[in-house]
Amino acid sequence: MSFRNPLGRARGLGSANEGTGHWMAQRISAVALIPLTLWFTVSMLHMTRAGYPAVSHWLHTPWVAVLLVLLVGSTFYHACLGLQVVIEDYVHDTWLKMSMLMLIRFAGILCAATGIFVVLRAAFGG
């Protein structure tokens, strides 16, 4: 006795067993972005009248660099997860879907690496 839908049995399709993990990763990254974004916004508001030396000194603080790296990494990770869901839901050609998913993953990794590199270079006096 099988509890599967007859159409699912006929097609041989079933659960991919990855939807829950993707959903959970998206929610965790969203929750992580809340305090990081609030911290960054408040920090930038305090820096509105600060000059270059003050901002440079702020950026050279180790915990600031760590928080900025976390902000950049989690932002691009969350964006890639969200775009992946949109593509999986609305693009129906298999070759186009796979190529767009690979392009988004590559662009997300490239942008995150570039952002992290910029933060680290600025933090270590580049």
PDB file of N, CA and C in Angstrom:
ATOM      1  N   MET A   1       0.842  -1.173   0.000  1.00  0.00           N
ATOM      2  CA  MET A   1       0.000   0.000   0.000  1.00  0.00           C
ATOM      3  C   MET A   1       0.888   1.236   0.000  1.00  0.00           C
ATOM      4  N   SER A   2       0.633   2.146  -0.908  1.00  0.00           N
ATOM      5  CA  SER A   2       1.416   3.366  -1.020  1.00  0.00           C
ATOM      6  C   SER A   2       0.537   4.568  -0.733  1.00  0.00           C
ATOM      7  N   PHE A   3       1.104   5.533  -0.067  1.00  0.00           N
ATOM      8  CA  PHE A   3       0.375   6.749   0.258  1.00  0.00           C
ATOM      9  C   PHE A   3       0.632   7.848  -0.764  1.00  0.00           C
ATOM     10  N   ARG A   4       1.347   7.531  -1.825  1.00  0.00           N
ATOM     11  CA  ARG A   4       1.658   8.520  -2.847  1.00  0.00           C
ATOM     12  C   ARG A   4       0.456   8.788  -3.734  1.00  0.00           C
ATOM     13  N   ASN A   5       0.452   9.961  -4.284  1.00  0.00           N
ATOM     14  CA  ASN A   5      -0.568  10.375  -5.229  1.00  0.00           C
ATOM     15  C   ASN A   5      -0.435   9.514  -6.493  1.00  0.00           C
ATOM     16  N   PRO A   6      -1.533   9.069  -7.101  1.00  0.00           N
ATOM     17  CA  PRO A   6      -1.424   8.257  -8.314  1.00  0.00           C
ATOM     18  C   PRO A   6      -0.648   8.943  -9.434  1.00  0.00           C
ATOM     19  N   LEU A   7      -0.795  10.246  -9.578  1.00  0.00           N
ATOM     20  CA  LEU A   7      -0.047  10.953 -10.604  1.00  0.00           C
ATOM     21  C   LEU A   7       1.450  10.934 -10.282  1.00  0.00           C
ATOM     22  N   GLY A   8       1.798  11.077  -9.019  1.00  0.00           N
ATOM     23  CA  GLY A   8       3.209  11.007  -8.621  1.00  0.00           C
ATOM     24  C   GLY A   8       3.792   9.626  -8.854  1.00  0.00           C
ATOM     25  N   ARG A   9       3.007   8.582  -8.598  1.00  0.00           N
ATOM     26  CA  ARG A   9       3.462   7.209  -8.872  1.00  0.00           C
ATOM     27  C   ARG A   9       3.668   6.989 -10.356  1.00  0.00           C
ATOM     28  N   ALA A  10       2.770   7.530 -11.160  1.00  0.00           N
ATOM     29  CA  ALA A  10       2.853   7.333 -12.605  1.00  0.00           C
ATOM     30  C   ALA A  10       4.062   8.051 -13.191  1.00  0.00           C
ATOM     31  N   ARG A  11       4.374   9.210 -12.711  1.00  0.00           N
ATOM     32  CA  ARG A  11       5.514   9.959 -13.229  1.00  0.00           C
ATOM     33  C   ARG A  11       6.822   9.550 -12.584  1.00  0.00           C
ATOM     34  N   GLY A  12       6.741   8.871 -11.467  1.00  0.00           N
ATOM     35  CA  GLY A  12       7.954   8.528 -10.748  1.00  0.00           C
ATOM     36  C   GLY A  12       8.533   9.710  -9.992  1.00  0.00           C
ATOM     37  N   LEU A  13       7.707  10.712  -9.771  1.00  0.00           N
ATOM     38  CA  LEU A  13       8.159  11.905  -9.071  1.00  0.00           C
ATOM     39  C   LEU A  13       7.730  11.832  -7.617  1.00  0.00           C
ATOM     40  N   GLY A  14       8.517  12.413  -6.788  1.00  0.00           N
ATOM     41  CA  GLY A  14       8.182  12.466  -5.372  1.00  0.00           C
ATOM     42  C   GLY A  14       8.824  13.689  -4.756  1.00  0.00           C
ATOM     43  N   SER A  15       8.904  13.667  -3.477  1.00  0.00           N
ATOM     44  CA  SER A  15       9.513  14.774  -2.776  1.00  0.00           C
ATOM     45  C   SER A  15      11.006  14.809  -3.056  1.00  0.00           C
ATOM     46  N   ALA A  16      11.516  15.991  -3.272  1.00  0.00           N
ATOM     47  CA  ALA A  16      12.949  16.148  -3.509  1.00  0.00           C
ATOM     48  C   ALA A  16      13.719  16.129  -2.191  1.00  0.00           C
ATOM     49  N   ASN A  17      13.007  16.195  -1.075  1.00  0.00           N
ATOM     50  CA  ASN A  17      13.603  16.171   0.262  1.00  0.00           C
ATOM     51  C   ASN A  17      14.610  17.297   0.477  1.00  0.00           C
ATOM     52  N   GLU A  18      14.420  18.422  -0.175  1.00  0.00           N
ATOM     53  CA  GLU A  18      15.310  19.543   0.057  1.00  0.00           C
ATOM     54  C   GLU A  18      14.556  20.835   0.311  1.00  0.00           C
ATOM     55  N   GLY A  19      13.259  20.823   0.177  1.00  0.00           N
ATOM     56  CA  GLY A  19      12.471  22.040   0.350  1.00  0.00           C
ATOM     57  C   GLY A  19      12.529  22.593   1.759  1.00  0.00           C
ATOM     58  N   THR A  20      12.511  21.721   2.747  1.00  0.00           N
ATOM     59  CA  THR A  20      12.539  22.173   4.136  1.00  0.00           C
ATOM     60  C   THR A  20      13.868  22.822   4.480  1.00  0.00           C
ATOM     61  N   GLY A  21      14.950  22.235   4.019  1.00  0.00           N
ATOM     62  CA  GLY A  21      16.272  22.813   4.281  1.00  0.00           C
ATOM     63  C   GLY A  21      16.438  24.173   3.639  1.00  0.00           C
ATOM     64  N   HIS A  22      15.949  24.311   2.415  1.00  0.00           N
ATOM     65  CA  HIS A  22      16.022  25.595   1.712  1.00  0.00           C
ATOM     66  C   HIS A  22      15.179  26.639   2.435  1.00  0.00           C
ATOM     67  N   TRP A  23      13.978  26.264   2.831  1.00  0.00           N
ATOM     68  CA  TRP A  23      13.088  27.170   3.552  1.00  0.00           C
ATOM     69  C   TRP A  23      13.726  27.618   4.860  1.00  0.00           C
ATOM     70  N   MET A  24      14.314  26.655   5.577  1.00  0.00           N
ATOM     71  CA  MET A  24      14.936  26.966   6.860  1.00  0.00           C
ATOM     72  C   MET A  24      16.153  27.882   6.680  1.00  0.00           C
ATOM     73  N   ALA A  25      16.969  27.611   5.652  1.00  0.00           N
ATOM     74  CA  ALA A  25      18.144  28.451   5.396  1.00  0.00           C
ATOM     75  C   ALA A  25      17.725  29.882   5.062  1.00  0.00           C
ATOM     76  N   GLN A  26      16.653  30.027   4.315  1.00  0.00           N
ATOM     77  CA  GLN A  26      16.186  31.364   3.961  1.00  0.00           C
ATOM     78  C   GLN A  26      15.687  32.102   5.203  1.00  0.00           C
ATOM     79  N   ARG A  27      14.994  31.415   6.074  1.00  0.00           N
ATOM     80  CA  ARG A  27      14.488  32.063   7.293  1.00  0.00           C
ATOM     81  C   ARG A  27      15.627  32.411   8.247  1.00  0.00           C
ATOM     82  N   ILE A  28      16.603  31.529   8.378  1.00  0.00           N
ATOM     83  CA  ILE A  28      17.733  31.806   9.274  1.00  0.00           C
ATOM     84  C   ILE A  28      18.542  32.990   8.766  1.00  0.00           C
ATOM     85  N   SER A  29      18.771  33.033   7.455  1.00  0.00           N
ATOM     86  CA  SER A  29      19.526  34.169   6.917  1.00  0.00           C
ATOM     87  C   SER A  29      18.738  35.469   7.059  1.00  0.00           C
ATOM     88  N   ALA A  30      17.419  35.396   6.943  1.00  0.00           N
ATOM     89  CA  ALA A  30      16.596  36.600   7.130  1.00  0.00           C
ATOM     90  C   ALA A  30      16.664  37.083   8.573  1.00  0.00           C
ATOM     91  N   VAL A  31      16.608  36.157   9.514  1.00  0.00           N
ATOM     92  CA  VAL A  31      16.696  36.531  10.927  1.00  0.00           C
ATOM     93  C   VAL A  31      18.080  37.089  11.246  1.00  0.00           C
ATOM     94  N   ALA A  32      19.124  36.539  10.647  1.00  0.00           N
ATOM     95  CA  ALA A  32      20.478  37.058  10.865  1.00  0.00           C
ATOM     96  C   ALA A  32      20.637  38.453  10.276  1.00  0.00           C
ATOM     97  N   LEU A  33      19.945  38.722   9.187  1.00  0.00           N
ATOM     98  CA  LEU A  33      20.065  40.033   8.553  1.00  0.00           C
ATOM     99  C   LEU A  33      19.386  41.146   9.343  1.00  0.00           C
ATOM    100  N   ILE A  34      18.427  40.820  10.170  1.00  0.00           N
ATOM    101  CA  ILE A  34      17.712  41.860  10.922  1.00  0.00           C
ATOM    102  C   ILE A  34      18.658  42.644  11.836  1.00  0.00           C
ATOM    103  N   PRO A  35      19.368  42.005  12.779  1.00  0.00           N
ATOM    104  CA  PRO A  35      20.249  42.809  13.634  1.00  0.00           C
ATOM    105  C   PRO A  35      21.447  43.391  12.876  1.00  0.00           C
ATOM    106  N   LEU A  36      21.951  42.655  11.872  1.00  0.00           N
ATOM    107  CA  LEU A  36      23.090  43.180  11.115  1.00  0.00           C
ATOM    108  C   LEU A  36      22.703  44.437  10.347  1.00  0.00           C
ATOM    109  N   THR A  37      21.527  44.436   9.735  1.00  0.00           N
ATOM    110  CA  THR A  37      21.080  45.606   8.982  1.00  0.00           C
ATOM    111  C   THR A  37      20.772  46.776   9.913  1.00  0.00           C
ATOM    112  N   LEU A  38      20.163  46.496  11.047  1.00  0.00           N
ATOM    113  CA  LEU A  38      19.898  47.559  12.014  1.00  0.00           C
ATOM    114  C   LEU A  38      21.197  48.164  12.531  1.00  0.00           C
ATOM    115  N   TRP A  39      22.175  47.315  12.854  1.00  0.00           N
ATOM    116  CA  TRP A  39      23.474  47.806  13.309  1.00  0.00           C
ATOM    117  C   TRP A  39      24.129  48.674  12.235  1.00  0.00           C
ATOM    118  N   PHE A  40      24.112  48.215  10.983  1.00  0.00           N
ATOM    119  CA  PHE A  40      24.746  48.967   9.903  1.00  0.00           C
ATOM    120  C   PHE A  40      24.028  50.296   9.668  1.00  0.00           C
ATOM    121  N   THR A  41      22.711  50.294   9.712  1.00  0.00           N
ATOM    122  CA  THR A  41      21.950  51.525   9.498  1.00  0.00           C
ATOM    123  C   THR A  41      22.230  52.545  10.593  1.00  0.00           C
ATOM    124  N   VAL A  42      22.199  52.092  11.839  1.00  0.00           N
ATOM    125  CA  VAL A  42      22.483  53.003  12.962  1.00  0.00           C
ATOM    126  C   VAL A  42      23.912  53.512  12.879  1.00  0.00           C
ATOM    127  N   SER A  43      24.847  52.648  12.528  1.00  0.00           N
ATOM    128  CA  SER A  43      26.245  53.067  12.399  1.00  0.00           C
ATOM    129  C   SER A  43      26.415  54.111  11.311  1.00  0.00           C
ATOM    130  N   MET A  44      25.755  53.923  10.193  1.00  0.00           N
ATOM    131  CA  MET A  44      25.865  54.888   9.092  1.00  0.00           C
ATOM    132  C   MET A  44      25.194  56.212   9.456  1.00  0.00           C
ATOM    133  N   LEU A  45      24.111  56.155  10.208  1.00  0.00           N
ATOM    134  CA  LEU A  45      23.476  57.396  10.641  1.00  0.00           C
ATOM    135  C   LEU A  45      24.371  58.179  11.586  1.00  0.00           C
ATOM    136  N   HIS A  46      25.132  57.477  12.419  1.00  0.00           N
ATOM    137  CA  HIS A  46      26.073  58.158  13.316  1.00  0.00           C
ATOM    138  C   HIS A  46      27.273  58.711  12.552  1.00  0.00           C
ATOM    139  N   MET A  47      27.553  58.162  11.391  1.00  0.00           N
ATOM    140  CA  MET A  47      28.721  58.582  10.608  1.00  0.00           C
ATOM    141  C   MET A  47      28.397  59.666   9.582  1.00  0.00           C
ATOM    142  N   THR A  48      27.179  60.181   9.577  1.00  0.00           N
ATOM    143  CA  THR A  48      26.807  61.130   8.528  1.00  0.00           C
ATOM    144  C   THR A  48      27.672  62.389   8.533  1.00  0.00           C
ATOM    145  N   ARG A  49      28.048  62.871   9.680  1.00  0.00           N
ATOM    146  CA  ARG A  49      28.859  64.088   9.761  1.00  0.00           C
ATOM    147  C   ARG A  49      30.322  63.800  10.067  1.00  0.00           C
ATOM    148  N   ALA A  50      30.680  62.524  10.120  1.00  0.00           N
ATOM    149  CA  ALA A  50      32.070  62.165  10.425  1.00  0.00           C
ATOM    150  C   ALA A  50      32.923  62.319   9.175  1.00  0.00           C
ATOM    151  N   GLY A  51      34.146  62.649   9.385  1.00  0.00           N
ATOM    152  CA  GLY A  51      35.077  62.784   8.279  1.00  0.00           C
ATOM    153  C   GLY A  51      35.735  61.451   7.936  1.00  0.00           C
ATOM    154  N   TYR A  52      36.602  61.495   6.941  1.00  0.00           N
ATOM    155  CA  TYR A  52      37.285  60.288   6.486  1.00  0.00           C
ATOM    156  C   TYR A  52      38.104  59.631   7.593  1.00  0.00           C
ATOM    157  N   PRO A  53      38.865  60.389   8.401  1.00  0.00           N
ATOM    158  CA  PRO A  53      39.646  59.721   9.462  1.00  0.00           C
ATOM    159  C   PRO A  53      38.775  58.976  10.474  1.00  0.00           C
ATOM    160  N   ALA A  54      37.624  59.528  10.819  1.00  0.00           N
ATOM    161  CA  ALA A  54      36.742  58.874  11.786  1.00  0.00           C
ATOM    162  C   ALA A  54      36.153  57.590  11.212  1.00  0.00           C
ATOM    163  N   VAL A  55      35.734  57.633   9.955  1.00  0.00           N
ATOM    164  CA  VAL A  55      35.172  56.449   9.316  1.00  0.00           C
ATOM    165  C   VAL A  55      36.245  55.388   9.130  1.00  0.00           C
ATOM    166  N   SER A  56      37.451  55.813   8.761  1.00  0.00           N
ATOM    167  CA  SER A  56      38.563  54.873   8.601  1.00  0.00           C
ATOM    168  C   SER A  56      38.919  54.211   9.929  1.00  0.00           C
ATOM    169  N   HIS A  57      38.941  55.002  10.993  1.00  0.00           N
ATOM    170  CA  HIS A  57      39.217  54.442  12.320  1.00  0.00           C
ATOM    171  C   HIS A  57      38.124  53.466  12.734  1.00  0.00           C
ATOM    172  N   TRP A  58      36.869  53.797  12.453  1.00  0.00           N
ATOM    173  CA  TRP A  58      35.746  52.908  12.757  1.00  0.00           C
ATOM    174  C   TRP A  58      35.887  51.592  12.004  1.00  0.00           C
ATOM    175  N   LEU A  59      36.265  51.673  10.732  1.00  0.00           N
ATOM    176  CA  LEU A  59      36.377  50.479   9.911  1.00  0.00           C
ATOM    177  C   LEU A  59      37.563  49.604  10.315  1.00  0.00           C
ATOM    178  N   HIS A  60      38.596  50.191  10.905  1.00  0.00           N
ATOM    179  CA  HIS A  60      39.757  49.406  11.342  1.00  0.00           C
ATOM    180  C   HIS A  60      39.497  48.623  12.629  1.00  0.00           C
ATOM    181  N   THR A  61      38.377  48.864  13.269  1.00  0.00           N
ATOM    182  CA  THR A  61      38.018  48.107  14.469  1.00  0.00           C
ATOM    183  C   THR A  61      37.688  46.668  14.063  1.00  0.00           C
ATOM    184  N   PRO A  62      38.304  45.668  14.728  1.00  0.00           N
ATOM    185  CA  PRO A  62      38.121  44.273  14.285  1.00  0.00           C
ATOM    186  C   PRO A  62      36.674  43.793  14.289  1.00  0.00           C
ATOM    187  N   TRP A  63      35.907  44.123  15.320  1.00  0.00           N
ATOM    188  CA  TRP A  63      34.535  43.605  15.358  1.00  0.00           C
ATOM    189  C   TRP A  63      33.662  44.255  14.292  1.00  0.00           C
ATOM    190  N   VAL A  64      33.984  45.470  13.886  1.00  0.00           N
ATOM    191  CA  VAL A  64      33.238  46.125  12.801  1.00  0.00           C
ATOM    192  C   VAL A  64      33.484  45.387  11.493  1.00  0.00           C
ATOM    193  N   ALA A  65      34.740  45.032  11.240  1.00  0.00           N
ATOM    194  CA  ALA A  65      35.062  44.294  10.019  1.00  0.00           C
ATOM    195  C   ALA A  65      34.374  42.933  10.002  1.00  0.00           C
ATOM    196  N   VAL A  66      34.338  42.269  11.135  1.00  0.00           N
ATOM    197  CA  VAL A  66      33.680  40.962  11.219  1.00  0.00           C
ATOM    198  C   VAL A  66      32.183  41.102  10.942  1.00  0.00           C
ATOM    199  N   LEU A  67      31.550  42.094  11.540  1.00  0.00           N
ATOM    200  CA  LEU A  67      30.116  42.298  11.317  1.00  0.00           C
ATOM    201  C   LEU A  67      29.820  42.686   9.870  1.00  0.00           C
ATOM    202  N   LEU A  68      30.694  43.483   9.255  1.00  0.00           N
ATOM    203  CA  LEU A  68      30.493  43.839   7.857  1.00  0.00           C
ATOM    204  C   LEU A  68      30.638  42.630   6.934  1.00  0.00           C
ATOM    205  N   VAL A  69      31.611  41.760   7.233  1.00  0.00           N
ATOM    206  CA  VAL A  69      31.775  40.530   6.445  1.00  0.00           C
ATOM    207  C   VAL A  69      30.541  39.649   6.594  1.00  0.00           C
ATOM    208  N   LEU A  70      30.026  39.521   7.805  1.00  0.00           N
ATOM    209  CA  LEU A  70      28.800  38.742   8.017  1.00  0.00           C
ATOM    210  C   LEU A  70      27.615  39.359   7.283  1.00  0.00           C
ATOM    211  N   LEU A  71      27.526  40.679   7.290  1.00  0.00           N
ATOM    212  CA  LEU A  71      26.432  41.358   6.598  1.00  0.00           C
ATOM    213  C   LEU A  71      26.502  41.122   5.090  1.00  0.00           C
ATOM    214  N   VAL A  72      27.677  41.276   4.519  1.00  0.00           N
ATOM    215  CA  VAL A  72      27.831  41.079   3.073  1.00  0.00           C
ATOM    216  C   VAL A  72      27.548  39.627   2.696  1.00  0.00           C
ATOM    217  N   GLY A  73      28.132  38.688   3.436  1.00  0.00           N
ATOM    218  CA  GLY A  73      27.937  37.275   3.122  1.00  0.00           C
ATOM    219  C   GLY A  73      26.493  36.826   3.254  1.00  0.00           C
ATOM    220  N   SER A  74      25.858  37.199   4.346  1.00  0.00           N
ATOM    221  CA  SER A  74      24.467  36.770   4.544  1.00  0.00           C
ATOM    222  C   SER A  74      23.504  37.474   3.595  1.00  0.00           C
ATOM    223  N   THR A  75      23.812  38.699   3.197  1.00  0.00           N
ATOM    224  CA  THR A  75      22.952  39.407   2.241  1.00  0.00           C
ATOM    225  C   THR A  75      22.946  38.700   0.894  1.00  0.00           C
ATOM    226  N   PHE A  76      24.119  38.377   0.380  1.00  0.00           N
ATOM    227  CA  PHE A  76      24.173  37.717  -0.919  1.00  0.00           C
ATOM    228  C   PHE A  76      23.664  36.280  -0.850  1.00  0.00           C
ATOM    229  N   TYR A  77      23.885  35.609   0.263  1.00  0.00           N
ATOM    230  CA  TYR A  77      23.357  34.256   0.429  1.00  0.00           C
ATOM    231  C   TYR A  77      21.825  34.274   0.420  1.00  0.00           C
ATOM    232  N   HIS A  78      21.252  35.208   1.160  1.00  0.00           N
ATOM    233  CA  HIS A  78      19.794  35.327   1.223  1.00  0.00           C
ATOM    234  C   HIS A  78      19.220  35.712  -0.141  1.00  0.00           C
ATOM    235  N   ALA A  79      19.896  36.612  -0.840  1.00  0.00           N
ATOM    236  CA  ALA A  79      19.424  37.019  -2.165  1.00  0.00           C
ATOM    237  C   ALA A  79      19.450  35.853  -3.143  1.00  0.00           C
ATOM    238  N   CYS A  80      20.501  35.048  -3.102  1.00  0.00           N
ATOM    239  CA  CYS A  80      20.587  33.889  -4.000  1.00  0.00           C
ATOM    240  C   CYS A  80      19.492  32.868  -3.693  1.00  0.00           C
ATOM    241  N   LEU A  81      19.208  32.654  -2.424  1.00  0.00           N
ATOM    242  CA  LEU A  81      18.140  31.724  -2.066  1.00  0.00           C
ATOM    243  C   LEU A  81      16.786  32.220  -2.575  1.00  0.00           C
ATOM    244  N   GLY A  82      16.525  33.502  -2.433  1.00  0.00           N
ATOM    245  CA  GLY A  82      15.260  34.050  -2.896  1.00  0.00           C
ATOM    246  C   GLY A  82      15.122  34.003  -4.408  1.00  0.00           C
ATOM    247  N   LEU A  83      16.178  34.341  -5.126  1.00  0.00           N
ATOM    248  CA  LEU A  83      16.134  34.283  -6.584  1.00  0.00           C
ATOM    249  C   LEU A  83      15.995  32.853  -7.081  1.00  0.00           C
ATOM    250  N   GLN A  84      16.589  31.918  -6.362  1.00  0.00           N
ATOM    251  CA  GLN A  84      16.460  30.507  -6.744  1.00  0.00           C
ATOM    252  C   GLN A  84      15.002  30.067  -6.680  1.00  0.00           C
ATOM    253  N   VAL A  85      14.290  30.475  -5.657  1.00  0.00           N
ATOM    254  CA  VAL A  85      12.875  30.115  -5.525  1.00  0.00           C
ATOM    255  C   VAL A  85      12.065  30.716  -6.669  1.00  0.00           C
ATOM    256  N   VAL A  86      12.337  31.968  -6.997  1.00  0.00           N
ATOM    257  CA  VAL A  86      11.600  32.616  -8.087  1.00  0.00           C
ATOM    258  C   VAL A  86      11.838  31.887  -9.404  1.00  0.00           C
ATOM    259  N   ILE A  87      13.077  31.549  -9.680  1.00  0.00           N
ATOM    260  CA  ILE A  87      13.388  30.856 -10.938  1.00  0.00           C
ATOM    261  C   ILE A  87      12.762  29.472 -10.956  1.00  0.00           C
ATOM    262  N   GLU A  88      12.852  28.744  -9.864  1.00  0.00           N
ATOM    263  CA  GLU A  88      12.267  27.403  -9.831  1.00  0.00           C
ATOM    264  C   GLU A  88      10.752  27.441 -10.004  1.00  0.00           C
ATOM    265  N   ASP A  89      10.116  28.503  -9.538  1.00  0.00           N
ATOM    266  CA  ASP A  89       8.663  28.596  -9.637  1.00  0.00           C
ATOM    267  C   ASP A  89       8.180  29.080 -10.996  1.00  0.00           C
ATOM    268  N   TYR A  90       8.926  29.952 -11.652  1.00  0.00           N
ATOM    269  CA  TYR A  90       8.397  30.613 -12.832  1.00  0.00           C
ATOM    270  C   TYR A  90       9.104  30.300 -14.145  1.00  0.00           C
ATOM    271  N   VAL A  91      10.250  29.649 -14.104  1.00  0.00           N
ATOM    272  CA  VAL A  91      10.929  29.272 -15.345  1.00  0.00           C
ATOM    273  C   VAL A  91      10.685  27.786 -15.557  1.00  0.00           C
ATOM    274  N   HIS A  92      10.123  27.427 -16.703  1.00  0.00           N
ATOM    275  CA  HIS A  92       9.705  26.046 -16.919  1.00  0.00           C
ATOM    276  C   HIS A  92      10.587  25.275 -17.885  1.00  0.00           C
ATOM    277  N   ASP A  93      11.377  25.951 -18.704  1.00  0.00           N
ATOM    278  CA  ASP A  93      12.312  25.242 -19.576  1.00  0.00           C
ATOM    279  C   ASP A  93      13.487  24.758 -18.740  1.00  0.00           C
ATOM    280  N   THR A  94      13.771  23.460 -18.817  1.00  0.00           N
ATOM    281  CA  THR A  94      14.795  22.868 -17.960  1.00  0.00           C
ATOM    282  C   THR A  94      16.164  23.476 -18.207  1.00  0.00           C
ATOM    283  N   TRP A  95      16.555  23.619 -19.477  1.00  0.00           N
ATOM    284  CA  TRP A  95      17.888  24.151 -19.768  1.00  0.00           C
ATOM    285  C   TRP A  95      18.022  25.600 -19.322  1.00  0.00           C
ATOM    286  N   LEU A  96      16.967  26.384 -19.488  1.00  0.00           N
ATOM    287  CA  LEU A  96      16.998  27.784 -19.074  1.00  0.00           C
ATOM    288  C   LEU A  96      17.016  27.888 -17.551  1.00  0.00           C
ATOM    289  N   LYS A  97      16.230  27.044 -16.898  1.00  0.00           N
ATOM    290  CA  LYS A  97      16.196  27.045 -15.438  1.00  0.00           C
ATOM    291  C   LYS A  97      17.568  26.703 -14.855  1.00  0.00           C
ATOM    292  N   MET A  98      18.186  25.642 -15.381  1.00  0.00           N
ATOM    293  CA  MET A  98      19.494  25.233 -14.857  1.00  0.00           C
ATOM    294  C   MET A  98      20.572  26.281 -15.133  1.00  0.00           C
ATOM    295  N   SER A  99      20.540  26.860 -16.332  1.00  0.00           N
ATOM    296  CA  SER A  99      21.555  27.866 -16.651  1.00  0.00           C
ATOM    297  C   SER A  99      21.361  29.128 -15.808  1.00  0.00           C
ATOM    298  N   MET A 100      20.120  29.520 -15.563  1.00  0.00           N
ATOM    299  CA  MET A 100      19.884  30.695 -14.723  1.00  0.00           C
ATOM    300  C   MET A 100      20.265  30.435 -13.266  1.00  0.00           C
ATOM    301  N   LEU A 101      20.000  29.234 -12.786  1.00  0.00           N
ATOM    302  CA  LEU A 101      20.384  28.893 -11.413  1.00  0.00           C
ATOM    303  C   LEU A 101      21.903  28.906 -11.250  1.00  0.00           C
ATOM    304  N   MET A 102      22.602  28.377 -12.250  1.00  0.00           N
ATOM    305  CA  MET A 102      24.071  28.401 -12.183  1.00  0.00           C
ATOM    306  C   MET A 102      24.598  29.824 -12.271  1.00  0.00           C
ATOM    307  N   LEU A 103      23.994  30.641 -13.128  1.00  0.00           N
ATOM    308  CA  LEU A 103      24.412  32.034 -13.266  1.00  0.00           C
ATOM    309  C   LEU A 103      24.195  32.809 -11.972  1.00  0.00           C
ATOM    310  N   ILE A 104      23.052  32.593 -11.337  1.00  0.00           N
ATOM    311  CA  ILE A 104      22.770  33.292 -10.083  1.00  0.00           C
ATOM    312  C   ILE A 104      23.724  32.849  -8.980  1.00  0.00           C
ATOM    313  N   ARG A 105      23.988  31.562  -8.910  1.00  0.00           N
ATOM    314  CA  ARG A 105      24.922  31.072  -7.891  1.00  0.00           C
ATOM    315  C   ARG A 105      26.315  31.659  -8.118  1.00  0.00           C
ATOM    316  N   PHE A 106      26.771  31.654  -9.372  1.00  0.00           N
ATOM    317  CA  PHE A 106      28.086  32.203  -9.699  1.00  0.00           C
ATOM    318  C   PHE A 106      28.145  33.698  -9.388  1.00  0.00           C
ATOM    319  N   ALA A 107      27.119  34.453  -9.794  1.00  0.00           N
ATOM    320  CA  ALA A 107      27.096  35.891  -9.547  1.00  0.00           C
ATOM    321  C   ALA A 107      27.043  36.190  -8.052  1.00  0.00           C
ATOM    322  N   GLY A 108      26.277  35.404  -7.306  1.00  0.00           N
ATOM    323  CA  GLY A 108      26.208  35.615  -5.857  1.00  0.00           C
ATOM    324  C   GLY A 108      27.534  35.374  -5.167  1.00  0.00           C
ATOM    325  N   ILE A 109      28.211  34.305  -5.564  1.00  0.00           N
ATOM    326  CA  ILE A 109      29.520  34.009  -4.975  1.00  0.00           C
ATOM    327  C   ILE A 109      30.532  35.085  -5.357  1.00  0.00           C
ATOM    328  N   LEU A 110      30.500  35.513  -6.621  1.00  0.00           N
ATOM    329  CA  LEU A 110      31.427  36.542  -7.082  1.00  0.00           C
ATOM    330  C   LEU A 110      31.186  37.869  -6.366  1.00  0.00           C
ATOM    331  N   CYS A 111      29.948  38.267  -6.233  1.00  0.00           N
ATOM    332  CA  CYS A 111      29.633  39.525  -5.552  1.00  0.00           C
ATOM    333  C   CYS A 111      29.962  39.465  -4.065  1.00  0.00           C
ATOM    334  N   ALA A 112      29.658  38.346  -3.427  1.00  0.00           N
ATOM    335  CA  ALA A 112      29.975  38.207  -2.002  1.00  0.00           C
ATOM    336  C   ALA A 112      31.486  38.222  -1.784  1.00  0.00           C
ATOM    337  N   ALA A 113      32.222  37.515  -2.619  1.00  0.00           N
ATOM    338  CA  ALA A 113      33.683  37.495  -2.483  1.00  0.00           C
ATOM    339  C   ALA A 113      34.269  38.880  -2.709  1.00  0.00           C
ATOM    340  N   THR A 114      33.741  39.593  -3.684  1.00  0.00           N
ATOM    341  CA  THR A 114      34.219  40.950  -3.946  1.00  0.00           C
ATOM    342  C   THR A 114      33.920  41.874  -2.767  1.00  0.00           C
ATOM    343  N   GLY A 115      32.718  41.799  -2.233  1.00  0.00           N
ATOM    344  CA  GLY A 115      32.357  42.622  -1.088  1.00  0.00           C
ATOM    345  C   GLY A 115      33.194  42.314   0.144  1.00  0.00           C
ATOM    346  N   ILE A 116      33.422  41.037   0.387  1.00  0.00           N
ATOM    347  CA  ILE A 116      34.238  40.646   1.538  1.00  0.00           C
ATOM    348  C   ILE A 116      35.677  41.096   1.343  1.00  0.00           C
ATOM    349  N   PHE A 117      36.191  40.983   0.121  1.00  0.00           N
ATOM    350  CA  PHE A 117      37.540  41.443  -0.168  1.00  0.00           C
ATOM    351  C   PHE A 117      37.672  42.956   0.083  1.00  0.00           C
ATOM    352  N   VAL A 118      36.684  43.711  -0.354  1.00  0.00           N
ATOM    353  CA  VAL A 118      36.715  45.170  -0.162  1.00  0.00           C
ATOM    354  C   VAL A 118      36.695  45.524   1.327  1.00  0.00           C
ATOM    355  N   VAL A 119      35.842  44.831   2.078  1.00  0.00           N
ATOM    356  CA  VAL A 119      35.771  45.097   3.525  1.00  0.00           C
ATOM    357  C   VAL A 119      37.101  44.769   4.198  1.00  0.00           C
ATOM    358  N   LEU A 120      37.671  43.614   3.872  1.00  0.00           N
ATOM    359  CA  LEU A 120      38.932  43.223   4.496  1.00  0.00           C
ATOM    360  C   LEU A 120      40.089  44.134   4.083  1.00  0.00           C
ATOM    361  N   ARG A 121      40.085  44.543   2.824  1.00  0.00           N
ATOM    362  CA  ARG A 121      41.151  45.449   2.368  1.00  0.00           C
ATOM    363  C   ARG A 121      41.050  46.787   3.081  1.00  0.00           C
ATOM    364  N   ALA A 122      39.837  47.299   3.237  1.00  0.00           N
ATOM    365  CA  ALA A 122      39.661  48.562   3.938  1.00  0.00           C
ATOM    366  C   ALA A 122      39.976  48.422   5.430  1.00  0.00           C
ATOM    367  N   ALA A 123      39.627  47.274   6.006  1.00  0.00           N
ATOM    368  CA  ALA A 123      39.859  47.068   7.442  1.00  0.00           C
ATOM    369  C   ALA A 123      41.330  46.901   7.772  1.00  0.00           C
ATOM    370  N   PHE A 124      42.105  46.315   6.838  1.00  0.00           N
ATOM    371  CA  PHE A 124      43.511  46.100   7.101  1.00  0.00           C
ATOM    372  C   PHE A 124      44.403  47.174   6.487  1.00  0.00           C
ATOM    373  N   GLY A 125      43.796  48.319   6.179  1.00  0.00           N
ATOM    374  CA  GLY A 125      44.584  49.465   5.776  1.00  0.00           C
ATOM    375  C   GLY A 125      44.946  49.531   4.318  1.00  0.00           C
ATOM    376  N   GLY A 126      44.077  49.019   3.447  1.00  0.00           N
ATOM    377  CA  GLY A 126      44.393  49.044   2.017  1.00  0.00           C
ATOM    378  C   GLY A 126      44.027  50.308   1.331  1.00  0.00           C
TER     379      GLY A 126
END
